[in-house]
Amino acid sequence: MKSSSDGIGGGSIVRRKADGGFECVTDEVAVEDPLEIRINGKSVAITMRTPGNDDELAAGFLLSEGVIRSRGDLRGVRQNAGSVDVAIDSDLQLDAMKRFGTISSSCGLCGKTSIDAIRTQFPAIDSDAKITSEQLLAMPDRLRKEQANFDRTGGLHGAALFELTNDSVVLREDVGRHNAVDKVIGRALFDDRLPLRDYALMVSGRASLEIVQKALAAGVPIVASVSAPSSLAINFARETGITLIGFLRPPTFNIYSHVERLDTSRLSS
């Protein structure tokens, strides 16, 4: 398979047809390559990602790990082939990364110590944001329509930030759901929009603890998923003030925490 700059690879495959015959066709697939993230020249993480928006991925990852907190913490971001070098203020404490050493970011939070550290690093969400059922039910279709590379490959997750006060949406795709979330958060960081008190985050697939943790780091009050949340994600959302929506498949969805942000005037028992 050959890779291209847009994160899509292609090559020849053999496909069995409906009539039982076989044919040789060209198929497109999502590229998966390693990315090394460095801070002030020191390697701190390696993630398997779909190339594209690597600077956003690195910035979003460092924010969600508590290494940086705002756009002002970044002195510079330099992209190289297979790596991103992030320069930050030397006075910043790197304790958040010391608990990991050099890690694979795809492993997510590992163990109770890491979860407790995240709780102490980021305050609970303080947002009076509201979202209507109509807004929620429109999100899956909007997410799907923006996933151009998913249409080509069928192998990419999507993450989107929806601004609740207007019609804007920022979407990124990646082979890793957590990477797609880091990319949209990184974009918001570069645009100096944090904390994201008036936004909702939606992800394809399930809602894991790691996804909810990243939302907490960015100040996102509402997280929605087209599939199931995990038990840790539900408990973490309840503890940290996040409204968690699962199985968002119009015309229905489940509310797992902080229902007060939903327009519940039509709820029935």
Protein backbone atom coordinates (compact mmCIF):
# COMPACT_ATOMS: atom_id res chain seq x y z
CA MET A 1 0.00 0.00 0.00
CA LYS A 2 1.30 3.45 -0.93
CA SER A 3 0.73 6.43 1.38
CA SER A 4 -0.22 9.97 0.40
CA SER A 5 0.01 13.29 2.18
CA ASP A 6 -3.71 13.30 3.05
CA GLY A 7 -3.44 10.21 5.27
CA ILE A 8 -4.94 7.87 2.68
CA GLY A 9 -3.06 4.92 1.22
CA GLY A 10 -3.96 2.81 -1.77
CA GLY A 11 -3.03 -0.34 -3.58
CA SER A 12 -4.29 -3.36 -5.44
CA ILE A 13 -6.38 -6.02 -3.71
CA VAL A 14 -8.41 -9.06 -4.73
CA ARG A 15 -12.13 -8.79 -4.06
CA ARG A 16 -14.71 -11.56 -4.13
CA LYS A 17 -17.80 -10.45 -6.00
CA ALA A 18 -21.43 -11.23 -5.23
CA ASP A 19 -21.54 -13.77 -8.03
CA GLY A 20 -18.64 -15.73 -6.50
CA GLY A 21 -16.04 -14.49 -8.95
CA PHE A 22 -12.91 -12.52 -8.13
CA GLU A 23 -11.52 -9.25 -9.43
CA CYS A 24 -8.40 -7.13 -8.90
CA VAL A 25 -9.31 -3.60 -7.80
CA THR A 26 -7.68 -0.54 -6.25
CA ASP A 27 -8.62 0.01 -2.60
CA GLU A 28 -8.06 3.03 -0.33
CA VAL A 29 -7.13 2.57 3.33
CA ALA A 30 -6.38 4.84 6.28
CA VAL A 31 -2.65 5.32 6.88
CA GLU A 32 -1.31 4.40 10.32
CA ASP A 33 2.20 5.64 11.15
CA PRO A 34 4.09 6.42 14.38
CA LEU A 35 4.47 10.00 15.57
CA GLU A 36 7.02 10.97 18.20
CA ILE A 37 6.17 13.92 20.43
CA ARG A 38 9.09 15.81 21.96
CA ILE A 39 9.18 18.56 24.58
CA ASN A 40 12.20 20.86 24.52
CA GLY A 41 14.10 18.15 22.65
CA LYS A 42 13.10 15.29 24.98
CA SER A 43 10.98 12.42 23.65
CA VAL A 44 7.88 12.02 25.81
CA ALA A 45 5.36 10.03 23.75
CA ILE A 46 4.86 7.94 20.67
CA THR A 47 1.45 7.50 19.12
CA MET A 48 0.20 5.58 16.12
CA ARG A 49 -1.81 8.07 14.12
CA THR A 50 -3.07 9.03 10.69
CA PRO A 51 -0.70 11.72 9.31
CA GLY A 52 -2.16 15.19 9.10
CA ASN A 53 -2.64 17.98 11.68
CA ASP A 54 0.26 16.53 13.68
CA ASP A 55 0.90 19.88 15.38
CA GLU A 56 -2.70 19.91 16.65
CA LEU A 57 -2.38 16.32 17.86
CA ALA A 58 0.79 17.07 19.83
CA ALA A 59 -0.65 20.24 21.38
CA GLY A 60 -3.94 18.57 22.28
CA PHE A 61 -2.14 15.60 23.81
CA LEU A 62 0.09 17.81 25.98
CA LEU A 63 -2.92 19.82 27.12
CA SER A 64 -4.87 16.70 28.09
CA GLU A 65 -1.87 15.45 30.07
CA GLY A 66 -1.62 18.72 32.00
CA VAL A 67 1.79 19.69 30.62
CA ILE A 68 0.45 22.88 29.06
CA ARG A 69 -2.67 24.83 29.98
CA SER A 70 -2.97 27.60 27.39
CA ARG A 71 -1.69 28.90 24.06
CA GLY A 72 0.71 31.10 25.99
CA ASP A 73 2.60 28.05 27.28
CA LEU A 74 3.82 27.23 23.76
CA ARG A 75 7.04 28.83 22.56
CA GLY A 76 6.95 27.01 19.24
CA VAL A 77 5.86 23.87 17.43
CA ARG A 78 8.00 22.36 14.68
CA GLN A 79 6.85 19.45 12.54
CA ASN A 80 9.33 17.00 11.09
CA ALA A 81 8.95 13.71 9.26
CA GLY A 82 7.50 11.41 11.91
CA SER A 83 7.89 13.81 14.84
CA VAL A 84 6.69 17.06 16.39
CA ASP A 85 9.00 19.17 18.54
CA VAL A 86 7.16 21.37 21.04
CA ALA A 87 9.02 24.16 22.80
CA ILE A 88 7.45 25.23 26.09
CA ASP A 89 8.37 27.60 28.89
CA SER A 90 11.22 25.98 30.81
CA ASP A 91 9.59 27.07 34.07
CA LEU A 92 6.62 24.78 33.51
CA GLN A 93 6.58 21.67 35.66
CA LEU A 94 6.68 18.39 33.75
CA ASP A 95 5.38 16.28 36.64
CA ALA A 96 2.44 15.18 34.49
CA MET A 97 4.79 13.45 32.08
CA LYS A 98 7.13 12.10 34.73
CA ARG A 99 4.48 9.64 35.87
CA PHE A 100 4.64 8.05 32.41
CA GLY A 101 8.19 8.40 31.13
CA THR A 102 8.17 7.83 27.38
CA ILE A 103 4.80 6.31 26.62
CA SER A 104 2.57 5.22 23.81
CA SER A 105 -0.29 7.73 23.94
CA SER A 106 -2.65 5.05 22.66
CA CYS A 107 -2.50 3.26 26.02
CA GLY A 108 -4.59 5.98 27.63
CA LEU A 109 -4.77 6.36 31.37
CA CYS A 110 -3.09 3.45 33.10
CA GLY A 111 -4.11 2.74 36.66
CA LYS A 112 -5.68 4.49 39.63
CA THR A 113 -2.65 6.71 40.24
CA SER A 114 -2.95 8.27 36.79
CA ILE A 115 -6.70 8.80 37.19
CA ASP A 116 -6.24 10.48 40.57
CA ALA A 117 -3.53 12.70 39.11
CA ILE A 118 -5.91 13.89 36.39
CA ARG A 119 -8.59 14.70 39.00
CA THR A 120 -6.17 16.90 40.92
CA GLN A 121 -4.79 18.65 37.82
CA PHE A 122 -8.08 19.79 36.32
CA PRO A 123 -11.02 21.40 38.15
CA ALA A 124 -14.54 20.11 37.66
CA ILE A 125 -16.43 21.67 34.76
CA ASP A 126 -18.13 24.94 35.66
CA SER A 127 -20.42 25.78 32.78
CA ASP A 128 -24.06 26.77 32.49
CA ALA A 129 -24.17 25.61 28.86
CA LYS A 130 -27.41 24.12 27.63
CA ILE A 131 -28.12 21.87 24.68
CA THR A 132 -31.47 20.97 23.18
CA SER A 133 -32.57 17.55 22.07
CA GLU A 134 -32.77 18.91 18.53
CA GLN A 135 -29.13 20.00 18.63
CA LEU A 136 -28.02 16.61 19.92
CA LEU A 137 -30.04 14.64 17.39
CA ALA A 138 -28.55 16.68 14.52
CA MET A 139 -24.95 16.00 15.55
CA PRO A 140 -24.46 12.43 14.22
CA ASP A 141 -25.53 13.38 10.71
CA ARG A 142 -23.34 16.48 10.74
CA LEU A 143 -20.39 14.45 12.01
CA ARG A 144 -20.88 11.85 9.30
CA LYS A 145 -21.20 14.42 6.52
CA GLU A 146 -17.87 16.01 7.52
CA GLN A 147 -15.99 12.68 7.48
CA ALA A 148 -14.73 12.81 3.91
CA ASN A 149 -11.87 10.39 4.46
CA PHE A 150 -14.11 7.88 6.22
CA ASP A 151 -16.17 7.78 3.03
CA ARG A 152 -13.02 6.82 1.13
CA THR A 153 -11.62 4.25 3.56
CA GLY A 154 -14.23 3.18 6.11
CA GLY A 155 -11.39 3.05 8.63
CA LEU A 156 -11.19 6.43 10.38
CA HIS A 157 -12.74 7.70 13.60
CA GLY A 158 -14.14 11.19 13.80
CA ALA A 159 -14.21 13.77 16.60
CA ALA A 160 -16.05 17.07 16.31
CA LEU A 161 -16.42 20.18 18.43
CA PHE A 162 -19.84 21.81 18.06
CA GLU A 163 -20.25 25.39 19.25
CA LEU A 164 -23.61 25.53 20.99
CA THR A 165 -24.31 29.20 20.32
CA ASN A 166 -23.92 29.04 16.52
CA ASP A 167 -23.62 26.54 13.69
CA SER A 168 -19.83 26.10 13.59
CA VAL A 169 -18.12 22.72 13.80
CA VAL A 170 -14.48 21.61 13.84
CA LEU A 171 -13.87 17.98 12.84
CA ARG A 172 -10.77 15.83 12.60
CA GLU A 173 -10.29 12.18 11.60
CA ASP A 174 -7.74 9.60 12.70
CA VAL A 175 -7.29 5.84 13.06
CA GLY A 176 -7.28 6.50 16.82
CA ARG A 177 -10.37 8.06 18.39
CA HIS A 178 -8.19 9.62 21.10
CA ASN A 179 -5.95 11.16 18.42
CA ALA A 180 -8.93 12.69 16.64
CA VAL A 181 -9.99 14.28 19.95
CA ASP A 182 -6.47 15.59 20.56
CA LYS A 183 -6.50 17.15 17.10
CA VAL A 184 -9.73 19.11 17.61
CA ILE A 185 -8.61 20.20 21.08
CA GLY A 186 -5.23 21.21 19.68
CA ARG A 187 -6.97 23.29 17.03
CA ALA A 188 -9.01 25.05 19.72
CA LEU A 189 -5.81 25.65 21.71
CA PHE A 190 -4.07 27.24 18.72
CA ASP A 191 -7.14 29.42 18.17
CA ASP A 192 -7.00 30.49 21.85
CA ARG A 193 -10.58 29.34 22.55
CA LEU A 194 -9.98 27.35 25.74
CA PRO A 195 -11.74 26.59 28.00
CA LEU A 196 -14.48 25.30 25.70
CA ARG A 197 -17.38 26.12 28.01
CA ASP A 198 -19.90 26.59 25.18
CA TYR A 199 -19.01 23.51 23.14
CA ALA A 200 -20.05 19.88 22.86
CA LEU A 201 -17.64 17.15 21.83
CA MET A 202 -18.89 14.22 19.78
CA VAL A 203 -16.94 11.08 18.92
CA SER A 204 -17.57 8.13 16.67
CA GLY A 205 -17.57 4.79 18.43
CA ARG A 206 -17.60 4.41 22.19
CA ALA A 207 -16.89 6.92 24.96
CA SER A 208 -13.95 5.76 27.07
CA LEU A 209 -12.50 7.30 30.21
CA GLU A 210 -9.72 8.78 28.11
CA ILE A 211 -12.17 10.70 25.92
CA VAL A 212 -13.97 12.17 28.94
CA GLN A 213 -10.63 13.04 30.56
CA LYS A 214 -9.56 14.97 27.46
CA ALA A 215 -12.86 16.86 27.49
CA LEU A 216 -12.25 17.79 31.12
CA ALA A 217 -8.78 19.13 30.28
CA ALA A 218 -10.25 21.34 27.55
CA GLY A 219 -13.22 22.47 29.66
CA VAL A 220 -15.85 20.82 27.45
CA PRO A 221 -19.12 20.42 29.41
CA ILE A 222 -20.92 17.97 27.08
CA VAL A 223 -19.58 14.76 25.54
CA ALA A 224 -21.62 12.64 23.15
CA SER A 225 -20.92 9.31 21.48
CA VAL A 226 -22.71 7.21 18.91
CA SER A 227 -21.94 4.10 20.96
CA ALA A 228 -21.64 2.97 24.57
CA PRO A 229 -19.68 4.64 27.36
CA SER A 230 -17.54 2.63 29.76
CA SER A 231 -18.29 2.44 33.49
CA LEU A 232 -15.17 4.50 34.27
CA ALA A 233 -16.22 7.15 31.76
CA ILE A 234 -19.66 7.42 33.40
CA ASN A 235 -18.28 7.67 36.92
CA PHE A 236 -15.61 10.16 35.89
CA ALA A 237 -18.17 12.34 34.09
CA ARG A 238 -20.42 12.37 37.15
CA GLU A 239 -17.52 13.35 39.41
CA THR A 240 -16.17 16.09 37.15
CA GLY A 241 -19.35 17.87 36.06
CA ILE A 242 -19.53 16.58 32.49
CA THR A 243 -22.79 15.73 30.75
CA LEU A 244 -22.24 12.37 29.07
CA ILE A 245 -24.47 11.19 26.23
CA GLY A 246 -24.27 7.68 24.78
CA PHE A 247 -25.94 5.72 22.02
CA LEU A 248 -26.74 8.97 20.21
CA ARG A 249 -28.63 7.38 17.35
CA PRO A 250 -31.59 9.46 16.27
CA PRO A 251 -34.30 9.53 17.37
CA THR A 252 -32.96 8.26 20.74
CA PHE A 253 -30.04 8.73 23.11
CA ASN A 254 -29.06 7.92 26.70
CA ILE A 255 -28.07 10.50 29.33
CA TYR A 256 -25.60 9.16 31.89
CA SER A 257 -24.66 12.23 33.91
CA HIS A 258 -25.61 15.86 34.61
CA VAL A 259 -28.95 15.85 32.86
CA GLU A 260 -29.46 19.46 33.95
CA ARG A 261 -27.73 20.67 30.77
CA LEU A 262 -30.40 19.04 28.62
CA ASP A 263 -33.76 20.50 27.72
CA THR A 264 -35.81 17.84 29.47
CA SER A 265 -39.24 19.38 28.98
CA ARG A 266 -40.28 16.40 26.86
CA LEU A 267 -38.83 13.65 29.03
CA SER A 268 -41.25 10.89 29.93
CA SER A 269 -40.94 8.26 32.62
